[in-house]
């Protein structure tokens, strides 16, 4: 169930709540992100699955959501004799902040536009009903 703006403003939110608020990320996504932040080095999907005690495929989907949201970066590591694997680490906090600020500014502009449309629509309806009554 989605929360209203009033609910969000009245809740005690921590900064990690932005993961859910901005991107609709799930509890496992936040758990994976926290594990990556706490890790001393980038982790593979298998390493991360072990840390959060979940199936590899489930963790992979969570990491994909984090990648799409821009909270995590993927790096390819090449084996000396061919082949490769990927490791994951948290994205640069400044870049994440800038992205969230941009999204917030876009949202604010969109809400301002919708509020103006609301006023225009109902102001005209109010004028018409007042004229009909007279």
C-alpha atoms as a PDB file:
ATOM      1  CA  UNK A   1       0.000   0.000   0.000  1.00  0.00           C
ATOM      2  CA  UNK A   2       1.422   3.381  -0.925  1.00  0.00           C
ATOM      3  CA  UNK A   3       1.731   6.163   1.593  1.00  0.00           C
ATOM      4  CA  UNK A   4       0.339   9.654   1.168  1.00  0.00           C
ATOM      5  CA  UNK A   5       2.615  12.680   1.294  1.00  0.00           C
ATOM      6  CA  UNK A   6       1.072  13.529   4.673  1.00  0.00           C
ATOM      7  CA  UNK A   7       1.940  10.032   5.968  1.00  0.00           C
ATOM      8  CA  UNK A   8       5.522  10.382   4.772  1.00  0.00           C
ATOM      9  CA  UNK A   9       5.943  13.830   6.304  1.00  0.00           C
ATOM     10  CA  UNK A  10       4.559  12.661   9.644  1.00  0.00           C
ATOM     11  CA  UNK A  11       6.655   9.490   9.819  1.00  0.00           C
ATOM     12  CA  UNK A  12      10.039   9.128  11.460  1.00  0.00           C
ATOM     13  CA  UNK A  13      12.090   8.411   8.364  1.00  0.00           C
ATOM     14  CA  UNK A  14      15.780   7.612   8.296  1.00  0.00           C
ATOM     15  CA  UNK A  15      18.003   8.352   5.317  1.00  0.00           C
ATOM     16  CA  UNK A  16      17.744   4.715   4.175  1.00  0.00           C
ATOM     17  CA  UNK A  17      14.021   5.354   3.760  1.00  0.00           C
ATOM     18  CA  UNK A  18      14.939   7.319   0.653  1.00  0.00           C
ATOM     19  CA  UNK A  19      15.681   4.014  -1.077  1.00  0.00           C
ATOM     20  CA  UNK A  20      12.026   3.101  -0.728  1.00  0.00           C
ATOM     21  CA  UNK A  21      10.586   6.593  -1.096  1.00  0.00           C
ATOM     22  CA  UNK A  22      12.434   7.547  -4.278  1.00  0.00           C
ATOM     23  CA  UNK A  23      12.703   4.174  -5.988  1.00  0.00           C
ATOM     24  CA  UNK A  24      10.167   1.847  -4.373  1.00  0.00           C
ATOM     25  CA  UNK A  25      12.919  -0.513  -3.292  1.00  0.00           C
ATOM     26  CA  UNK A  26      12.077  -3.481  -1.088  1.00  0.00           C
ATOM     27  CA  UNK A  27      13.389  -4.592   2.297  1.00  0.00           C
ATOM     28  CA  UNK A  28      15.812  -7.063   0.694  1.00  0.00           C
ATOM     29  CA  UNK A  29      17.116  -4.318  -1.607  1.00  0.00           C
ATOM     30  CA  UNK A  30      17.872  -2.164   1.434  1.00  0.00           C
ATOM     31  CA  UNK A  31      19.462  -5.138   3.207  1.00  0.00           C
ATOM     32  CA  UNK A  32      21.713  -5.820   0.201  1.00  0.00           C
ATOM     33  CA  UNK A  33      22.650  -2.156  -0.050  1.00  0.00           C
ATOM     34  CA  UNK A  34      23.564  -2.055   3.647  1.00  0.00           C
ATOM     35  CA  UNK A  35      25.672  -5.200   3.271  1.00  0.00           C
ATOM     36  CA  UNK A  36      27.557  -3.657   0.344  1.00  0.00           C
ATOM     37  CA  UNK A  37      28.154  -0.455   2.318  1.00  0.00           C
ATOM     38  CA  UNK A  38      29.474  -2.417   5.303  1.00  0.00           C
ATOM     39  CA  UNK A  39      31.727  -4.671   3.199  1.00  0.00           C
ATOM     40  CA  UNK A  40      35.410  -3.806   3.129  1.00  0.00           C
ATOM     41  CA  UNK A  41      35.626  -4.638  -0.572  1.00  0.00           C
ATOM     42  CA  UNK A  42      33.221  -5.153  -3.488  1.00  0.00           C
ATOM     43  CA  UNK A  43      31.184  -8.372  -3.334  1.00  0.00           C
ATOM     44  CA  UNK A  44      30.060 -10.931  -5.882  1.00  0.00           C
ATOM     45  CA  UNK A  45      26.415 -11.987  -6.005  1.00  0.00           C
ATOM     46  CA  UNK A  46      27.392 -15.261  -4.306  1.00  0.00           C
ATOM     47  CA  UNK A  47      29.189 -13.393  -1.506  1.00  0.00           C
ATOM     48  CA  UNK A  48      26.245 -11.056  -1.037  1.00  0.00           C
ATOM     49  CA  UNK A  49      23.754 -13.962  -1.036  1.00  0.00           C
ATOM     50  CA  UNK A  50      25.747 -15.552   1.771  1.00  0.00           C
ATOM     51  CA  UNK A  51      25.833 -12.315   3.793  1.00  0.00           C
ATOM     52  CA  UNK A  52      22.069 -11.701   3.547  1.00  0.00           C
ATOM     53  CA  UNK A  53      21.243 -15.433   3.717  1.00  0.00           C
ATOM     54  CA  UNK A  54      19.081 -15.528   0.599  1.00  0.00           C
ATOM     55  CA  UNK A  55      19.111 -17.438  -2.683  1.00  0.00           C
ATOM     56  CA  UNK A  56      21.516 -16.226  -5.362  1.00  0.00           C
ATOM     57  CA  UNK A  57      18.742 -15.498  -7.896  1.00  0.00           C
ATOM     58  CA  UNK A  58      16.766 -13.474  -5.338  1.00  0.00           C
ATOM     59  CA  UNK A  59      19.833 -11.401  -4.444  1.00  0.00           C
ATOM     60  CA  UNK A  60      20.616 -10.929  -8.136  1.00  0.00           C
ATOM     61  CA  UNK A  61      17.183  -9.359  -8.702  1.00  0.00           C
ATOM     62  CA  UNK A  62      17.661  -7.074  -5.685  1.00  0.00           C
ATOM     63  CA  UNK A  63      21.066  -5.960  -6.979  1.00  0.00           C
ATOM     64  CA  UNK A  64      19.577  -5.302 -10.424  1.00  0.00           C
ATOM     65  CA  UNK A  65      17.016  -2.975  -8.837  1.00  0.00           C
ATOM     66  CA  UNK A  66      19.816  -1.208  -6.948  1.00  0.00           C
ATOM     67  CA  UNK A  67      21.815  -0.865 -10.179  1.00  0.00           C
ATOM     68  CA  UNK A  68      18.805   0.597 -12.011  1.00  0.00           C
ATOM     69  CA  UNK A  69      18.260   3.062  -9.166  1.00  0.00           C
ATOM     70  CA  UNK A  70      21.921   4.107  -9.305  1.00  0.00           C
ATOM     71  CA  UNK A  71      22.769   3.039  -5.740  1.00  0.00           C
ATOM     72  CA  UNK A  72      25.221   0.323  -6.769  1.00  0.00           C
ATOM     73  CA  UNK A  73      28.024   0.035  -9.311  1.00  0.00           C
ATOM     74  CA  UNK A  74      29.091  -3.121 -11.142  1.00  0.00           C
ATOM     75  CA  UNK A  75      32.700  -3.866 -12.015  1.00  0.00           C
ATOM     76  CA  UNK A  76      33.979  -6.644 -14.257  1.00  0.00           C
ATOM     77  CA  UNK A  77      37.024  -8.575 -12.997  1.00  0.00           C
ATOM     78  CA  UNK A  78      38.917 -10.548 -15.659  1.00  0.00           C
ATOM     79  CA  UNK A  79      40.603 -13.840 -14.915  1.00  0.00           C
ATOM     80  CA  UNK A  80      44.203 -14.120 -16.090  1.00  0.00           C
ATOM     81  CA  UNK A  81      43.459 -17.092 -18.375  1.00  0.00           C
ATOM     82  CA  UNK A  82      40.146 -15.856 -19.751  1.00  0.00           C
ATOM     83  CA  UNK A  83      36.706 -15.390 -18.375  1.00  0.00           C
ATOM     84  CA  UNK A  84      35.425 -12.851 -15.905  1.00  0.00           C
ATOM     85  CA  UNK A  85      33.091 -12.226 -12.993  1.00  0.00           C
ATOM     86  CA  UNK A  86      31.323  -9.175 -11.592  1.00  0.00           C
ATOM     87  CA  UNK A  87      31.599  -7.478  -8.227  1.00  0.00           C
ATOM     88  CA  UNK A  88      29.309  -4.841  -6.782  1.00  0.00           C
ATOM     89  CA  UNK A  89      29.920  -1.834  -4.559  1.00  0.00           C
ATOM     90  CA  UNK A  90      27.919   1.174  -3.401  1.00  0.00           C
ATOM     91  CA  UNK A  91      27.831   4.093  -5.816  1.00  0.00           C
ATOM     92  CA  UNK A  92      29.502   7.381  -4.958  1.00  0.00           C
ATOM     93  CA  UNK A  93      27.264   9.051  -2.330  1.00  0.00           C
ATOM     94  CA  UNK A  94      27.659  12.482  -3.965  1.00  0.00           C
ATOM     95  CA  UNK A  95      26.401  11.159  -7.293  1.00  0.00           C
ATOM     96  CA  UNK A  96      23.486   9.396  -5.595  1.00  0.00           C
ATOM     97  CA  UNK A  97      22.625  12.620  -3.721  1.00  0.00           C
ATOM     98  CA  UNK A  98      22.721  14.655  -6.936  1.00  0.00           C
ATOM     99  CA  UNK A  99      20.464  12.140  -8.660  1.00  0.00           C
ATOM    100  CA  UNK A 100      17.961  12.182  -5.792  1.00  0.00           C
ATOM    101  CA  UNK A 101      18.049  15.995  -5.688  1.00  0.00           C
ATOM    102  CA  UNK A 102      17.350  16.104  -9.431  1.00  0.00           C
ATOM    103  CA  UNK A 103      14.437  13.688  -8.984  1.00  0.00           C
ATOM    104  CA  UNK A 104      13.076  15.752  -6.092  1.00  0.00           C
ATOM    105  CA  UNK A 105      13.287  18.954  -8.167  1.00  0.00           C
ATOM    106  CA  UNK A 106      11.481  17.244 -11.071  1.00  0.00           C
ATOM    107  CA  UNK A 107       8.812  15.939  -8.691  1.00  0.00           C
ATOM    108  CA  UNK A 108       8.393  19.372  -7.111  1.00  0.00           C
ATOM    109  CA  UNK A 109       7.958  20.995 -10.537  1.00  0.00           C
ATOM    110  CA  UNK A 110       5.433  18.339 -11.568  1.00  0.00           C
ATOM    111  CA  UNK A 111       3.432  18.757  -8.342  1.00  0.00           C
ATOM    112  CA  UNK A 112       3.438  22.543  -8.815  1.00  0.00           C
ATOM    113  CA  UNK A 113       2.080  22.081 -12.320  1.00  0.00           C
ATOM    114  CA  UNK A 114      -0.655  19.703 -11.119  1.00  0.00           C
ATOM    115  CA  UNK A 115      -1.644  22.075  -8.305  1.00  0.00           C
ATOM    116  CA  UNK A 116      -1.964  24.905 -10.838  1.00  0.00           C
ATOM    117  CA  UNK A 117      -4.089  22.684 -13.092  1.00  0.00           C
ATOM    118  CA  UNK A 118      -6.262  21.823 -10.088  1.00  0.00           C
ATOM    119  CA  UNK A 119      -6.784  25.487  -9.273  1.00  0.00           C
ATOM    120  CA  UNK A 120      -7.542  26.369 -12.908  1.00  0.00           C
ATOM    121  CA  UNK A 121     -10.038  23.536 -13.300  1.00  0.00           C
ATOM    122  CA  UNK A 122     -11.931  24.110 -10.079  1.00  0.00           C
ATOM    123  CA  UNK A 123     -11.731  27.884 -10.180  1.00  0.00           C
ATOM    124  CA  UNK A 124     -13.526  27.809 -13.552  1.00  0.00           C
ATOM    125  CA  UNK A 125     -16.072  25.284 -12.204  1.00  0.00           C
ATOM    126  CA  UNK A 126     -16.651  27.517  -9.194  1.00  0.00           C
ATOM    127  CA  UNK A 127     -17.174  30.582 -11.444  1.00  0.00           C
ATOM    128  CA  UNK A 128     -19.671  28.675 -13.607  1.00  0.00           C
ATOM    129  CA  UNK A 129     -21.668  27.452 -10.584  1.00  0.00           C
ATOM    130  CA  UNK A 130     -21.713  30.956  -9.087  1.00  0.00           C
ATOM    131  CA  UNK A 131     -22.983  32.408 -12.404  1.00  0.00           C
ATOM    132  CA  UNK A 132     -25.690  29.710 -12.659  1.00  0.00           C
ATOM    133  CA  UNK A 133     -26.897  30.516  -9.125  1.00  0.00           C
ATOM    134  CA  UNK A 134     -27.234  34.235  -9.916  1.00  0.00           C
END
